[in-house]
Protein backbone atom coordinates (compact mmCIF):
# COMPACT_ATOMS: atom_id res chain seq x y z
CA UNK A 1 21.62 -20.14 6.97
CA UNK A 2 19.91 -18.05 4.76
CA UNK A 3 15.55 -17.66 5.68
CA UNK A 4 14.77 -15.57 3.63
CA UNK A 5 11.56 -15.96 2.30
CA UNK A 6 12.21 -14.88 -1.73
CA UNK A 7 9.17 -14.46 -2.68
CA UNK A 8 8.16 -10.74 -3.40
CA UNK A 9 4.79 -10.12 -4.29
CA UNK A 10 4.83 -7.48 -6.80
CA UNK A 11 2.28 -6.27 -9.19
CA UNK A 12 2.51 -8.01 -12.52
CA UNK A 13 2.15 -5.90 -16.17
CA UNK A 14 0.33 -7.49 -17.94
CA UNK A 15 0.37 -6.57 -21.67
CA UNK A 16 -2.75 -5.14 -23.57
CA UNK A 17 -5.16 -8.14 -24.14
CA UNK A 18 -6.19 -9.31 -27.49
CA UNK A 19 -8.62 -8.01 -30.07
CA UNK A 20 -10.77 -11.30 -29.12
CA UNK A 21 -10.30 -10.55 -25.61
CA UNK A 22 -11.25 -7.57 -25.39
CA UNK A 23 -14.84 -8.24 -27.16
CA UNK A 24 -15.53 -10.64 -24.66
CA UNK A 25 -19.61 -10.61 -23.37
CA UNK A 26 -18.55 -9.62 -20.01
CA UNK A 27 -16.29 -6.52 -20.88
CA UNK A 28 -17.82 -3.29 -20.81
CA UNK A 29 -17.82 -1.87 -24.57
CA UNK A 30 -17.23 2.11 -23.88
CA UNK A 31 -14.41 1.07 -20.93
CA UNK A 32 -12.40 -1.06 -23.55
CA UNK A 33 -12.87 2.11 -25.97
CA UNK A 34 -11.49 4.72 -23.35
CA UNK A 35 -8.67 2.08 -22.37
CA UNK A 36 -8.13 1.85 -26.40
CA UNK A 37 -7.86 5.71 -26.70
CA UNK A 38 -5.40 5.69 -23.94
CA UNK A 39 -3.33 2.81 -25.41
CA UNK A 40 -3.38 4.67 -28.85
CA UNK A 41 -2.52 8.18 -27.82
CA UNK A 42 0.71 6.01 -25.88
CA UNK A 43 1.33 4.40 -29.09
CA UNK A 44 1.63 7.57 -31.04
CA UNK A 45 4.33 9.13 -28.99
CA UNK A 46 1.76 10.68 -26.04
CA UNK A 47 0.13 12.59 -28.40
CA UNK A 48 -2.66 12.61 -31.26
CA UNK A 49 -5.51 14.89 -32.91
CA UNK A 50 -9.15 13.67 -32.53
CA UNK A 51 -8.80 12.51 -36.54
CA UNK A 52 -5.85 10.32 -35.88
CA UNK A 53 -7.34 8.57 -32.87
CA UNK A 54 -10.64 7.87 -34.89
CA UNK A 55 -8.68 6.37 -37.74
CA UNK A 56 -6.67 4.57 -35.51
CA UNK A 57 -9.58 3.39 -33.37
CA UNK A 58 -11.94 2.98 -36.08
CA UNK A 59 -14.56 4.81 -33.98
CA UNK A 60 -16.37 7.45 -35.19
CA UNK A 61 -15.53 10.67 -34.41
CA UNK A 62 -18.34 11.60 -32.28
CA UNK A 63 -17.40 8.27 -30.25
CA UNK A 64 -14.53 9.43 -29.60
CA UNK A 65 -14.96 13.01 -28.85
CA UNK A 66 -17.31 11.82 -26.03
CA UNK A 67 -14.89 9.45 -24.57
CA UNK A 68 -12.27 11.98 -24.52
CA UNK A 69 -14.27 14.00 -22.71
CA UNK A 70 -14.78 11.76 -20.16
CA UNK A 71 -10.91 11.08 -20.07
CA UNK A 72 -10.21 14.90 -19.87
CA UNK A 73 -12.64 15.07 -17.31
CA UNK A 74 -10.25 12.61 -14.82
CA UNK A 75 -7.34 14.02 -15.95
CA UNK A 76 -6.49 11.17 -18.18
CA UNK A 77 -5.70 13.17 -21.19
CA UNK A 78 -5.20 16.78 -21.34
CA UNK A 79 -5.48 18.81 -24.55
CA UNK A 80 -2.49 20.42 -25.77
CA UNK A 81 -2.39 24.23 -25.97
CA UNK A 82 -2.06 25.45 -29.58
CA UNK A 83 -2.82 22.34 -31.10
CA UNK A 84 -5.96 20.40 -31.94
CA UNK A 85 -4.65 17.09 -30.48
CA UNK A 86 -4.86 15.21 -26.80
CA UNK A 87 -2.23 14.13 -24.91
CA UNK A 88 -1.76 11.66 -22.06
CA UNK A 89 -2.88 13.44 -18.78
CA UNK A 90 -1.11 13.64 -15.04
CA UNK A 91 -3.82 10.86 -13.92
CA UNK A 92 -1.61 8.53 -16.04
CA UNK A 93 1.76 9.76 -13.92
CA UNK A 94 0.14 9.38 -10.49
CA UNK A 95 -1.03 5.52 -11.75
CA UNK A 96 2.35 5.17 -12.98
CA UNK A 97 4.35 6.35 -9.81
CA UNK A 98 1.71 4.34 -7.54
CA UNK A 99 2.90 1.11 -9.24
CA UNK A 100 6.34 1.43 -9.56
CA UNK A 101 5.97 2.78 -5.58
CA UNK A 102 4.77 -0.49 -4.65
CA UNK A 103 7.22 -2.48 -7.06
CA UNK A 104 10.52 -0.28 -5.50
CA UNK A 105 9.13 -0.59 -1.94
CA UNK A 106 10.34 -4.42 -1.09
CA UNK A 107 13.86 -3.33 -2.80
CA UNK A 108 14.10 -0.30 -0.92
CA UNK A 109 12.96 -2.21 2.09
CA UNK A 110 15.12 -5.19 2.19
CA UNK A 111 18.06 -4.29 3.46
CA UNK A 112 16.49 -2.88 6.18
CA UNK A 113 14.39 -6.30 7.04
CA UNK A 114 17.94 -7.83 6.82
CA UNK A 115 19.60 -5.19 10.18
CA UNK A 116 16.96 -5.57 11.67
CA UNK A 117 16.86 -9.61 11.91
CA UNK A 118 20.92 -9.71 12.19
CA UNK A 119 20.26 -7.25 15.07
CA UNK A 120 17.34 -9.01 17.09
CA UNK A 121 17.04 -12.42 15.54
CA UNK A 122 13.17 -11.95 15.19
CA UNK A 123 10.83 -12.16 12.26
CA UNK A 124 10.30 -9.18 10.49
CA UNK A 125 7.77 -8.29 7.82
CA UNK A 126 7.13 -5.69 5.48
CA UNK A 127 3.29 -4.65 4.30
CA UNK A 128 2.56 -2.84 1.68
CA UNK A 129 -1.13 -0.88 1.44
CA UNK A 130 -2.42 -2.00 -2.38
CA UNK A 131 -6.10 0.07 -2.76
CA UNK A 132 -8.01 -0.86 0.45
CA UNK A 133 -5.94 -4.24 1.16
CA UNK A 134 -3.20 -4.19 2.99
CA UNK A 135 -0.65 -6.94 1.47
CA UNK A 136 2.75 -8.85 3.16
CA UNK A 137 4.97 -8.69 0.38
CA UNK A 138 8.18 -9.57 2.02
CA UNK A 139 9.33 -11.56 5.60
CA UNK A 140 12.76 -12.82 7.08
CA UNK A 141 12.33 -15.72 9.24
CA UNK A 142 13.83 -15.90 13.06
CA UNK A 143 17.12 -16.59 13.26
CA UNK A 144 16.74 -18.45 16.84
CA UNK A 145 15.60 -21.70 17.35
CA UNK A 146 12.43 -21.33 18.71
CA UNK A 147 10.43 -18.97 16.27
CA UNK A 148 7.09 -17.59 15.74
CA UNK A 149 4.65 -18.24 12.99
CA UNK A 150 3.64 -15.26 12.18
CA UNK A 151 1.89 -16.07 8.28
CA UNK A 152 2.63 -15.93 5.00
CA UNK A 153 3.49 -13.46 1.76
CA UNK A 154 0.05 -12.43 0.54
CA UNK A 155 -3.12 -10.34 1.96
CA UNK A 156 -3.07 -9.33 5.38
CA UNK A 157 -6.17 -10.83 7.24
CA UNK A 158 -6.08 -9.06 10.46
CA UNK A 159 -4.84 -5.99 10.22
CA UNK A 160 -6.70 -4.33 13.32
CA UNK A 161 -4.66 -7.14 15.29
CA UNK A 162 -1.59 -7.04 14.33
CA UNK A 163 1.02 -4.76 14.40
CA UNK A 164 2.11 -4.05 11.01
CA UNK A 165 -1.52 -3.66 10.33
CA UNK A 166 -2.26 -1.30 12.87
CA UNK A 167 0.58 1.04 12.15
CA UNK A 168 -0.77 1.54 8.72
CA UNK A 169 -4.69 1.78 10.15
CA UNK A 170 -3.07 4.54 12.28
CA UNK A 171 -2.59 6.81 9.45
CA UNK A 172 -5.97 6.35 7.42
CA UNK A 173 -8.79 8.37 7.29
CA UNK A 174 -11.55 7.25 9.62
CA UNK A 175 -14.08 6.19 7.39
CA UNK A 176 -11.69 4.24 5.34
CA UNK A 177 -10.31 2.21 8.96
CA UNK A 178 -14.50 1.29 9.03
CA UNK A 179 -14.58 -0.30 5.84
CA UNK A 180 -11.10 -2.26 6.48
CA UNK A 181 -11.94 -3.33 9.26
CA UNK A 182 -15.65 -3.33 9.63
CA UNK A 183 -18.59 -0.71 10.62
CA UNK A 184 -19.05 -1.78 14.66
CA UNK A 185 -17.15 -4.91 15.09
CA UNK A 186 -14.10 -6.49 14.13
CA UNK A 187 -12.83 -10.50 14.26
CA UNK A 188 -11.98 -11.63 17.66
CA UNK A 189 -8.37 -13.33 17.43
CA UNK A 190 -7.48 -13.81 21.46
CA UNK A 191 -8.81 -12.80 24.37
CA UNK A 192 -6.78 -9.73 24.05
CA UNK A 193 -7.94 -8.79 20.62
CA UNK A 194 -9.37 -5.13 20.14
CA UNK A 195 -13.01 -5.99 18.60
CA UNK A 196 -14.62 -2.55 19.62
CA UNK A 197 -14.30 -0.17 16.62
CA UNK A 198 -14.17 2.64 18.86
CA UNK A 199 -11.95 1.32 21.34
CA UNK A 200 -9.54 0.59 17.95
CA UNK A 201 -9.72 4.43 17.05
CA UNK A 202 -8.66 5.04 20.36
CA UNK A 203 -5.99 2.87 20.24
CA UNK A 204 -4.48 3.91 17.04
CA UNK A 205 -4.39 7.82 18.64
CA UNK A 206 -1.95 6.28 20.49
CA UNK A 207 -0.44 4.36 17.59
CA UNK A 208 0.17 8.01 15.70
CA UNK A 209 1.57 9.64 19.37
CA UNK A 210 3.86 7.12 19.51
CA UNK A 211 4.62 6.46 16.35
CA UNK A 212 4.72 2.79 16.40
CA UNK A 213 2.20 -0.02 17.15
CA UNK A 214 2.06 -3.08 19.98
CA UNK A 215 0.37 -6.55 19.43
CA UNK A 216 0.37 -7.54 23.22
CA UNK A 217 -1.11 -11.14 21.86
CA UNK A 218 -3.73 -9.87 19.95
CA UNK A 219 -3.67 -11.95 16.95
CA UNK A 220 -1.86 -15.02 18.39
CA UNK A 221 -1.60 -16.16 22.20
CA UNK A 222 2.26 -15.96 22.84
CA UNK A 223 3.50 -13.68 20.28
CA UNK A 224 4.35 -9.55 20.62
CA UNK A 225 4.87 -8.01 17.83
CA UNK A 226 6.40 -4.27 17.40
CA UNK A 227 5.19 -2.13 13.56
CA UNK A 228 5.44 1.39 12.67
CA UNK A 229 4.44 3.19 9.06
CA UNK A 230 6.32 3.86 6.18
CA UNK A 231 5.10 6.98 4.82
CA UNK A 232 5.65 9.22 0.88
CA UNK A 233 6.31 12.39 0.04
CA UNK A 234 2.65 13.26 0.92
CA UNK A 235 2.64 12.23 4.06
CA UNK A 236 0.39 8.96 2.71
CA UNK A 237 0.82 5.53 4.55
CA UNK A 238 2.15 3.07 1.58
CA UNK A 239 3.48 0.15 4.43
CA UNK A 240 4.95 -0.70 7.41
CA UNK A 241 7.28 -3.23 9.02
CA UNK A 242 7.38 -5.45 11.84
CA UNK A 243 8.98 -7.36 14.46
CA UNK A 244 7.72 -10.94 16.06
CA UNK A 245 9.33 -12.39 19.10
CA UNK A 246 7.74 -14.75 21.28
CA UNK A 247 7.02 -13.81 25.03
CA UNK A 248 9.36 -15.85 26.12
CA UNK A 249 12.08 -13.51 24.68
CA UNK A 250 9.92 -10.44 25.66
CA UNK A 251 11.35 -8.70 28.06
CA UNK A 252 11.81 -5.29 28.32
CA UNK A 253 15.35 -5.20 26.84
CA UNK A 254 14.54 -6.89 24.13
CA UNK A 255 11.24 -4.93 23.11
CA UNK A 256 12.90 -2.00 23.75
CA UNK A 257 15.43 -3.17 20.84
CA UNK A 258 12.84 -4.64 18.78
CA UNK A 259 11.28 -0.74 18.91
CA UNK A 260 13.84 1.05 18.00
CA UNK A 261 15.34 -0.99 14.85
CA UNK A 262 11.58 -1.03 13.53
CA UNK A 263 11.19 2.54 13.93
CA UNK A 264 15.05 3.45 12.12
CA UNK A 265 13.96 1.83 9.45
CA UNK A 266 10.69 3.12 8.50
CA UNK A 267 12.50 6.64 9.64
CA UNK A 268 14.61 6.02 6.89
CA UNK A 269 12.53 4.51 4.53
CA UNK A 270 9.74 6.94 4.83
CA UNK A 271 13.05 10.04 4.62
CA UNK A 272 13.74 8.41 0.62
CA UNK A 273 10.53 8.16 0.12
CA UNK A 274 10.52 12.47 0.80
CA UNK A 275 8.01 12.20 4.12
CA UNK A 276 7.34 15.30 5.51
CA UNK A 277 7.87 15.95 9.25
CA UNK A 278 5.55 13.75 11.03
CA UNK A 279 4.49 16.85 13.18
CA UNK A 280 2.84 18.85 10.42
CA UNK A 281 -1.20 18.90 10.14
CA UNK A 282 -1.24 15.54 8.24
CA UNK A 283 -4.66 14.99 9.96
CA UNK A 284 -6.09 18.50 8.13
CA UNK A 285 -4.80 17.44 4.70
CA UNK A 286 -6.26 13.52 4.34
CA UNK A 287 -8.88 13.19 7.03
CA UNK A 288 -6.76 10.62 8.67
CA UNK A 289 -7.85 10.29 12.53
CA UNK A 290 -6.61 13.22 14.88
CA UNK A 291 -3.67 12.03 17.16
């Protein structure tokens, strides 16, 4: 019986908007023009002179120069040494890699999700970090007759109350955690939900030390989840995997199997993405909460 949720939420790469769409009254002219310059450089093979850009975009030289200066400051364009021309900058590559990472991770993770599901029989989720939001992009339903309803594909509404959310939160800077969860308190879903932010921060320190997070009926009564983070070559968290089980099956041996399988999957995926050893001084590099 195939219980795979076939819907995988991936970024949609849309074509550039039409000229008419760009001139709608809600658009910001300077942003429209800057993006037009970037697209024009790309269309011209990745490099163009100021004069060529002015002619192609029908913008005057002064306007092009000022816009390019701003794009240069932010790294979206660069000056070509020895030639009076502009090329697409390294920041474009960074954004492109970020987009491809979001597209690629569900495909990389699917075999691991399947193995966890086959080994444990439980519901398994993959969640990714998109900006400051956590989004569930892949789900494999439990094989047991008695299963838990652990939410649907889409935005994760309770990162502080779920193992899959806490696994990612633990690797974020404290100010980002506060922005995602709330400044002082978080929403309560069950009597076990951690709503005090300082207590949550302490819990996340434990998650970092242990390498996995546990949801002890914090989001849904009668449901226990175990989750672990996936990190990339820079040590940054990019996603997490969790497995959920009803308390009726949550004996010590079963929870140990869930923990081992989830951690094995996230370690393997992190290795594929070039993750550095977890003992490196990641705290100092990105301001994440100390373990």
